[in-house]
N, C-alpha and C. Protein backbone atom coordinates (compact mmCIF):
# COMPACT_ATOMS: atom_id res chain seq x y z
N THR A 1 9.62 -5.38 10.55
CA THR A 1 8.42 -6.49 10.09
C THR A 1 7.33 -6.10 10.60
N ILE A 2 6.22 -6.76 10.27
CA ILE A 2 4.75 -6.48 10.98
C ILE A 2 4.20 -7.49 10.57
N ALA A 3 3.29 -8.10 11.64
CA ALA A 3 2.73 -9.49 11.54
C ALA A 3 1.46 -9.23 10.19
N PRO A 4 1.18 -10.34 9.74
CA PRO A 4 0.25 -10.40 8.76
C PRO A 4 -1.13 -9.99 9.05
N ASP A 5 -1.40 -10.31 10.50
CA ASP A 5 -2.74 -10.09 11.22
C ASP A 5 -2.88 -8.88 11.35
N ALA A 6 -1.77 -8.01 11.57
CA ALA A 6 -2.21 -6.53 12.17
C ALA A 6 -2.89 -5.92 11.06
N SER A 7 -3.44 -4.92 11.58
CA SER A 7 -4.54 -4.06 10.70
C SER A 7 -3.60 -3.13 9.81
N ALA A 8 -4.15 -2.95 8.36
CA ALA A 8 -3.44 -1.82 7.81
C ALA A 8 -3.29 -0.45 8.30
N ALA A 9 -4.10 -0.27 8.99
CA ALA A 9 -3.94 1.25 9.94
C ALA A 9 -2.55 0.82 10.63
N ALA A 10 -2.48 -0.03 11.68
CA ALA A 10 -1.39 -0.45 12.16
C ALA A 10 0.01 -0.14 11.36
N ALA A 11 -0.06 -0.84 10.28
CA ALA A 11 1.13 -0.78 9.27
C ALA A 11 1.25 0.69 8.85
N ALA A 12 0.31 1.21 8.72
CA ALA A 12 0.39 2.96 8.01
C ALA A 12 0.79 3.91 9.07
N ARG A 13 0.53 3.45 10.35
CA ARG A 13 1.03 4.26 11.71
C ARG A 13 2.94 3.88 11.57
N ARG A 14 2.96 2.69 11.21
CA ARG A 14 4.52 2.16 11.49
C ARG A 14 5.30 2.90 10.43
N LEU A 15 4.64 3.14 9.14
CA LEU A 15 5.25 3.90 7.98
C LEU A 15 5.82 5.24 8.44
N LEU A 16 4.25 5.43 8.79
CA LEU A 16 4.39 7.14 9.09
C LEU A 16 5.25 7.67 10.39
N GLY A 17 5.24 6.87 11.35
CA GLY A 17 6.09 7.01 12.61
C GLY A 17 7.62 6.98 12.24
N LEU A 18 7.75 5.96 11.30
CA LEU A 18 9.53 5.65 11.01
C LEU A 18 9.89 6.36 9.98
N ASP A 19 9.02 6.99 8.99
CA ASP A 19 9.39 7.79 7.76
C ASP A 19 9.81 6.58 6.71
N ILE A 20 9.17 5.75 6.39
CA ILE A 20 9.66 4.84 5.35
C ILE A 20 8.62 4.65 4.51
N GLY A 21 8.84 3.73 3.62
CA GLY A 21 8.00 3.69 2.47
C GLY A 21 7.33 2.25 2.40
N SER A 22 7.90 1.17 3.01
CA SER A 22 7.30 0.24 3.15
C SER A 22 7.83 -0.66 4.21
N VAL A 23 6.83 -2.04 4.53
CA VAL A 23 7.23 -2.72 5.80
C VAL A 23 7.08 -4.20 5.08
N LEU A 24 8.20 -5.09 5.74
CA LEU A 24 8.02 -6.60 5.43
C LEU A 24 6.87 -7.00 6.37
N ALA A 25 6.14 -8.01 5.89
CA ALA A 25 5.19 -8.44 6.63
C ALA A 25 5.70 -10.16 6.87
N GLY A 26 5.77 -10.64 7.95
CA GLY A 26 5.77 -12.03 8.38
C GLY A 26 6.48 -11.69 9.77
N ALA A 27 7.18 -13.00 10.11
CA ALA A 27 7.80 -13.17 11.48
C ALA A 27 9.06 -12.41 11.39
N GLU A 28 9.48 -12.11 12.65
CA GLU A 28 11.02 -11.54 12.18
C GLU A 28 12.15 -12.09 11.52
N SER A 29 12.27 -13.28 11.38
CA SER A 29 13.15 -14.02 10.53
C SER A 29 12.49 -14.13 9.32
N LEU A 30 13.30 -14.36 8.22
CA LEU A 30 13.26 -14.27 6.87
C LEU A 30 12.81 -15.69 6.39
N PRO A 31 12.63 -16.17 5.07
CA PRO A 31 11.88 -15.12 4.28
C PRO A 31 10.55 -14.52 4.63
N PRO A 32 10.43 -13.36 4.22
CA PRO A 32 8.91 -12.46 4.63
C PRO A 32 7.98 -13.33 3.93
N ASP A 33 6.88 -12.84 4.43
CA ASP A 33 5.71 -13.56 3.82
C ASP A 33 4.72 -12.63 2.68
N GLY A 34 5.35 -11.21 2.82
CA GLY A 34 4.71 -10.19 1.79
C GLY A 34 5.69 -8.93 2.32
N ILE A 35 5.26 -8.18 1.28
CA ILE A 35 5.69 -6.54 1.51
C ILE A 35 4.26 -5.85 1.43
N LEU A 36 4.20 -4.35 2.36
CA LEU A 36 3.14 -3.70 2.17
C LEU A 36 4.04 -2.38 1.77
N THR A 37 3.41 -1.27 0.70
CA THR A 37 4.20 -0.58 0.23
C THR A 37 3.01 0.84 0.47
N GLU A 38 3.56 1.92 0.06
CA GLU A 38 2.89 3.16 0.02
C GLU A 38 1.71 3.08 -0.94
N SER A 39 2.08 2.24 -2.09
CA SER A 39 1.07 2.04 -3.30
C SER A 39 -0.14 1.22 -2.82
N ASP A 40 0.05 0.35 -1.85
CA ASP A 40 -0.82 -0.58 -1.41
C ASP A 40 -1.91 0.28 -0.62
N PHE A 41 -1.46 1.35 0.06
CA PHE A 41 -2.43 2.03 0.84
C PHE A 41 -3.05 3.00 0.11
N VAL A 42 -2.69 3.50 -1.28
CA VAL A 42 -3.28 4.48 -2.22
C VAL A 42 -4.41 3.25 -2.68
N ARG A 43 -4.06 2.03 -3.34
CA ARG A 43 -5.09 0.83 -3.71
C ARG A 43 -6.15 0.62 -2.66
N LEU A 44 -5.89 0.65 -1.54
CA LEU A 44 -7.02 0.42 -0.40
C LEU A 44 -7.80 1.61 -0.18
N ALA A 45 -7.15 2.62 -0.24
CA ALA A 45 -8.13 3.85 -0.31
C ALA A 45 -9.04 3.96 -1.52
N ALA A 46 -8.49 3.45 -2.55
CA ALA A 46 -9.00 3.96 -3.85
C ALA A 46 -10.26 2.79 -4.02
N GLU A 47 -10.18 1.69 -3.26
CA GLU A 47 -11.30 0.57 -3.23
C GLU A 47 -11.95 0.77 -2.30
N GLY A 48 -11.88 1.73 -1.57
CA GLY A 48 -12.76 2.27 -0.35
C GLY A 48 -12.87 1.06 0.87
N ARG A 49 -11.75 0.62 1.22
CA ARG A 49 -11.48 -0.57 2.26
C ARG A 49 -11.18 0.27 3.43
N ASP A 50 -11.61 -0.10 4.54
CA ASP A 50 -11.52 0.74 5.96
C ASP A 50 -10.08 -0.10 6.44
N PRO A 51 -9.29 0.64 6.47
CA PRO A 51 -7.88 -0.03 7.06
C PRO A 51 -7.80 -0.20 8.57
N THR A 52 -9.08 -0.08 9.24
CA THR A 52 -8.81 -0.40 10.59
C THR A 52 -9.47 -2.10 10.65
N ALA A 53 -10.26 -2.11 9.54
CA ALA A 53 -10.84 -3.68 9.29
C ALA A 53 -10.27 -4.64 8.43
N THR A 54 -9.10 -4.01 7.80
CA THR A 54 -8.17 -4.62 6.75
C THR A 54 -7.09 -5.28 7.38
N THR A 55 -6.46 -6.43 7.20
CA THR A 55 -5.31 -7.13 7.67
C THR A 55 -4.29 -6.72 6.45
N VAL A 56 -3.02 -6.55 7.30
CA VAL A 56 -1.87 -6.28 6.24
C VAL A 56 -1.94 -7.68 5.27
N GLY A 57 -1.96 -8.85 5.56
CA GLY A 57 -2.05 -10.05 4.88
C GLY A 57 -2.82 -9.80 3.85
N GLU A 58 -4.20 -9.08 3.98
CA GLU A 58 -5.05 -8.92 2.85
C GLU A 58 -4.67 -8.15 2.06
N CYS A 59 -3.72 -7.17 2.00
CA CYS A 59 -3.41 -6.18 1.14
C CYS A 59 -1.88 -6.09 0.69
N MET A 60 -1.28 -6.97 1.27
CA MET A 60 0.48 -6.91 1.09
C MET A 60 0.51 -7.75 -0.34
N ASN A 61 1.80 -7.50 -0.61
CA ASN A 61 2.02 -8.19 -2.02
C ASN A 61 3.02 -9.50 -1.73
N SER A 62 2.60 -10.51 -2.34
CA SER A 62 3.27 -11.71 -1.85
C SER A 62 3.21 -12.66 -3.32
N PRO A 63 4.28 -13.31 -3.62
CA PRO A 63 5.49 -13.34 -2.92
C PRO A 63 6.23 -12.08 -2.91
N VAL A 64 7.29 -11.99 -2.11
CA VAL A 64 8.24 -10.84 -2.29
C VAL A 64 9.47 -11.11 -3.18
N ILE A 65 9.64 -10.22 -4.08
CA ILE A 65 10.74 -10.16 -4.90
C ILE A 65 11.92 -9.60 -4.46
N THR A 66 12.84 -10.32 -4.39
CA THR A 66 14.26 -10.08 -3.73
C THR A 66 15.41 -9.86 -4.46
N ALA A 67 16.34 -9.31 -4.22
CA ALA A 67 17.61 -9.24 -4.77
C ALA A 67 18.77 -9.99 -3.65
N THR A 68 19.99 -10.29 -4.34
CA THR A 68 21.03 -10.67 -3.13
C THR A 68 22.07 -9.34 -3.33
N PRO A 69 23.07 -9.49 -2.10
CA PRO A 69 24.21 -8.66 -1.95
C PRO A 69 25.11 -8.62 -3.36
N SER A 70 25.00 -9.91 -3.89
CA SER A 70 26.25 -9.88 -5.05
C SER A 70 25.34 -9.13 -6.37
N ASP A 71 24.13 -9.04 -6.48
CA ASP A 71 23.57 -8.35 -7.71
C ASP A 71 24.19 -6.97 -7.79
N SER A 72 24.12 -6.51 -8.77
CA SER A 72 24.55 -5.14 -9.53
C SER A 72 23.25 -4.20 -9.03
N ILE A 73 23.24 -3.10 -9.03
CA ILE A 73 22.50 -1.81 -8.99
C ILE A 73 21.70 -2.17 -10.29
N GLY A 74 22.54 -2.28 -11.10
CA GLY A 74 21.85 -2.67 -12.47
C GLY A 74 20.89 -3.67 -12.58
N ASP A 75 21.56 -4.89 -12.14
CA ASP A 75 20.64 -5.98 -11.85
C ASP A 75 19.45 -5.76 -11.38
N ALA A 76 19.58 -5.03 -9.83
CA ALA A 76 18.52 -4.76 -9.37
C ALA A 76 17.29 -3.95 -9.91
N ALA A 77 17.78 -2.69 -10.82
CA ALA A 77 17.23 -1.94 -11.40
C ALA A 77 16.17 -3.00 -12.74
N ARG A 78 16.73 -3.86 -13.41
CA ARG A 78 16.33 -4.53 -14.25
C ARG A 78 14.95 -5.45 -13.38
N THR A 79 15.51 -5.89 -12.35
CA THR A 79 14.41 -6.70 -11.59
C THR A 79 12.98 -5.87 -11.40
N MET A 80 13.76 -4.75 -10.98
CA MET A 80 12.38 -3.83 -10.62
C MET A 80 11.57 -3.60 -11.62
N ALA A 81 12.38 -3.07 -12.52
CA ALA A 81 11.43 -2.82 -14.05
C ALA A 81 10.67 -3.99 -14.46
N ASP A 82 11.55 -5.25 -14.53
CA ASP A 82 10.73 -6.06 -14.94
C ASP A 82 9.64 -6.60 -14.35
N ARG A 83 9.57 -6.69 -13.17
CA ARG A 83 8.62 -6.98 -12.11
C ARG A 83 7.49 -5.90 -11.40
N ASN A 84 8.22 -4.85 -12.14
CA ASN A 84 7.20 -3.47 -11.80
C ASN A 84 6.90 -3.63 -10.00
N VAL A 85 8.09 -3.37 -9.49
CA VAL A 85 8.38 -3.00 -8.11
C VAL A 85 9.22 -1.92 -7.61
N LYS A 86 8.98 -1.11 -6.90
CA LYS A 86 9.52 0.11 -6.19
C LYS A 86 10.40 -0.08 -5.22
N LYS A 87 10.24 -1.31 -4.44
CA LYS A 87 11.11 -1.65 -3.22
C LYS A 87 11.52 -3.19 -3.52
N LEU A 88 12.72 -3.15 -3.40
CA LEU A 88 13.38 -4.31 -3.54
C LEU A 88 14.29 -5.24 -2.19
N PRO A 89 13.74 -5.65 -1.53
CA PRO A 89 14.76 -6.10 -0.30
C PRO A 89 15.90 -7.07 -1.00
N VAL A 90 16.93 -6.60 0.04
CA VAL A 90 18.17 -7.52 -0.44
C VAL A 90 18.48 -8.46 0.60
N VAL A 91 18.32 -9.68 0.25
CA VAL A 91 18.33 -10.84 1.13
C VAL A 91 19.66 -11.76 0.91
N GLU A 92 20.57 -12.01 2.04
CA GLU A 92 21.31 -12.79 2.21
C GLU A 92 21.19 -14.42 1.71
N PRO A 93 21.35 -14.80 0.69
CA PRO A 93 20.92 -16.01 0.37
C PRO A 93 21.07 -17.44 1.53
N GLU A 94 22.43 -17.23 1.94
CA GLU A 94 22.75 -18.52 2.86
C GLU A 94 22.09 -18.43 4.45
N THR A 95 21.68 -17.01 4.90
CA THR A 95 21.10 -16.72 6.02
C THR A 95 19.65 -16.36 5.83
N ASP A 96 19.05 -16.14 4.55
CA ASP A 96 17.93 -15.14 4.59
C ASP A 96 17.72 -14.02 5.38
N GLY A 97 18.83 -13.35 5.63
CA GLY A 97 18.87 -12.22 6.34
C GLY A 97 18.94 -10.91 5.68
N LEU A 98 17.98 -10.24 6.07
CA LEU A 98 17.78 -8.72 5.57
C LEU A 98 18.96 -7.71 5.29
N VAL A 99 19.34 -7.29 3.99
CA VAL A 99 20.56 -6.79 4.19
C VAL A 99 20.25 -5.31 4.27
N GLY A 100 19.24 -5.15 3.45
CA GLY A 100 18.48 -4.09 3.02
C GLY A 100 17.11 -3.71 2.10
N ILE A 101 16.89 -2.55 1.54
CA ILE A 101 16.00 -2.38 0.64
C ILE A 101 16.41 -1.56 -0.44
N VAL A 102 16.57 -1.80 -1.74
CA VAL A 102 16.76 -0.99 -2.71
C VAL A 102 15.70 -0.39 -3.19
N THR A 103 15.40 0.93 -3.24
CA THR A 103 14.35 1.82 -3.85
C THR A 103 14.50 2.40 -5.25
N THR A 104 13.38 2.82 -5.74
CA THR A 104 13.51 3.48 -7.15
C THR A 104 14.23 4.73 -7.15
N THR A 105 14.46 5.53 -5.72
CA THR A 105 15.45 6.43 -5.32
C THR A 105 16.54 5.97 -5.63
N ASP A 106 17.20 5.15 -4.94
CA ASP A 106 18.50 4.37 -4.98
C ASP A 106 19.00 4.23 -6.30
N VAL A 107 18.06 3.82 -6.96
CA VAL A 107 18.47 3.48 -8.55
C VAL A 107 18.71 4.87 -9.20
N ALA A 108 17.68 5.71 -9.14
CA ALA A 108 17.88 6.92 -9.83
C ALA A 108 19.30 7.69 -9.34
N ARG A 109 19.66 7.46 -7.92
CA ARG A 109 20.97 8.21 -7.64
C ARG A 109 21.98 7.55 -8.11
N TYR A 110 22.09 6.07 -8.59
CA TYR A 110 23.25 5.25 -8.65
C TYR A 110 23.76 4.78 -10.17
N VAL A 111 22.19 4.64 -10.83
CA VAL A 111 22.63 4.19 -12.32
C VAL A 111 22.24 5.17 -13.23
N PRO A 112 23.40 5.46 -14.03
CA PRO A 112 23.70 6.32 -15.20
C PRO A 112 22.69 6.16 -16.25
N VAL A 113 22.24 7.01 -16.89
CA VAL A 113 21.19 7.25 -17.69
C VAL A 113 21.36 6.14 -19.05
N HIS A 114 22.75 5.82 -19.33
CA HIS A 114 22.72 5.22 -20.35
C HIS A 114 22.61 3.77 -20.03
N GLU A 115 22.52 3.16 -18.58
CA GLU A 115 22.10 1.83 -18.28
C GLU A 115 20.69 1.48 -18.65
N PHE A 116 20.08 2.28 -18.75
CA PHE A 116 18.63 2.52 -19.30
C PHE A 116 18.47 2.81 -20.59
N HIS A 117 19.15 3.63 -21.22
CA HIS A 117 18.98 4.18 -22.63
C HIS A 117 20.19 4.52 -23.22
N PRO A 118 21.09 3.36 -23.68
CA PRO A 118 22.43 3.37 -24.32
C PRO A 118 22.33 4.16 -25.47
N GLU A 119 21.04 4.55 -26.07
CA GLU A 119 21.29 5.32 -27.37
C GLU A 119 21.32 6.65 -26.96
N GLU A 120 21.17 7.15 -25.75
CA GLU A 120 21.32 8.49 -25.36
C GLU A 120 22.84 8.99 -25.05
N THR A 121 23.68 8.03 -25.09
CA THR A 121 25.11 8.25 -24.52
C THR A 121 25.81 8.39 -25.83
N GLY A 122 25.69 8.63 -27.13
CA GLY A 122 26.33 9.59 -28.01
C GLY A 122 27.61 8.69 -28.64
């Protein structure tokens, strides 16, 4: 996680250093205040904003759309498509503990084509 008052530049360094595509914003405990993804940095650059003068809180997505460990990968994929998100944190509802993050790459690896296009299964 990263603090919402940290600079976007600090968040970018964290993503680059850890070779990850997103970071949750907020305290170490969940639920997170927001999520900052690679797409947010593209938007930041396109808007001509200075990442050293912009805070994570100013450019993060909030509220965070989440899934639970009991959701199927198909459920996660539908949530991602319906809510137009590429990163979906998986949170244990009883403890608000982060289990992991499902990405569009994860979905592409595990969801058969017929889950999205039943007409193509012949």
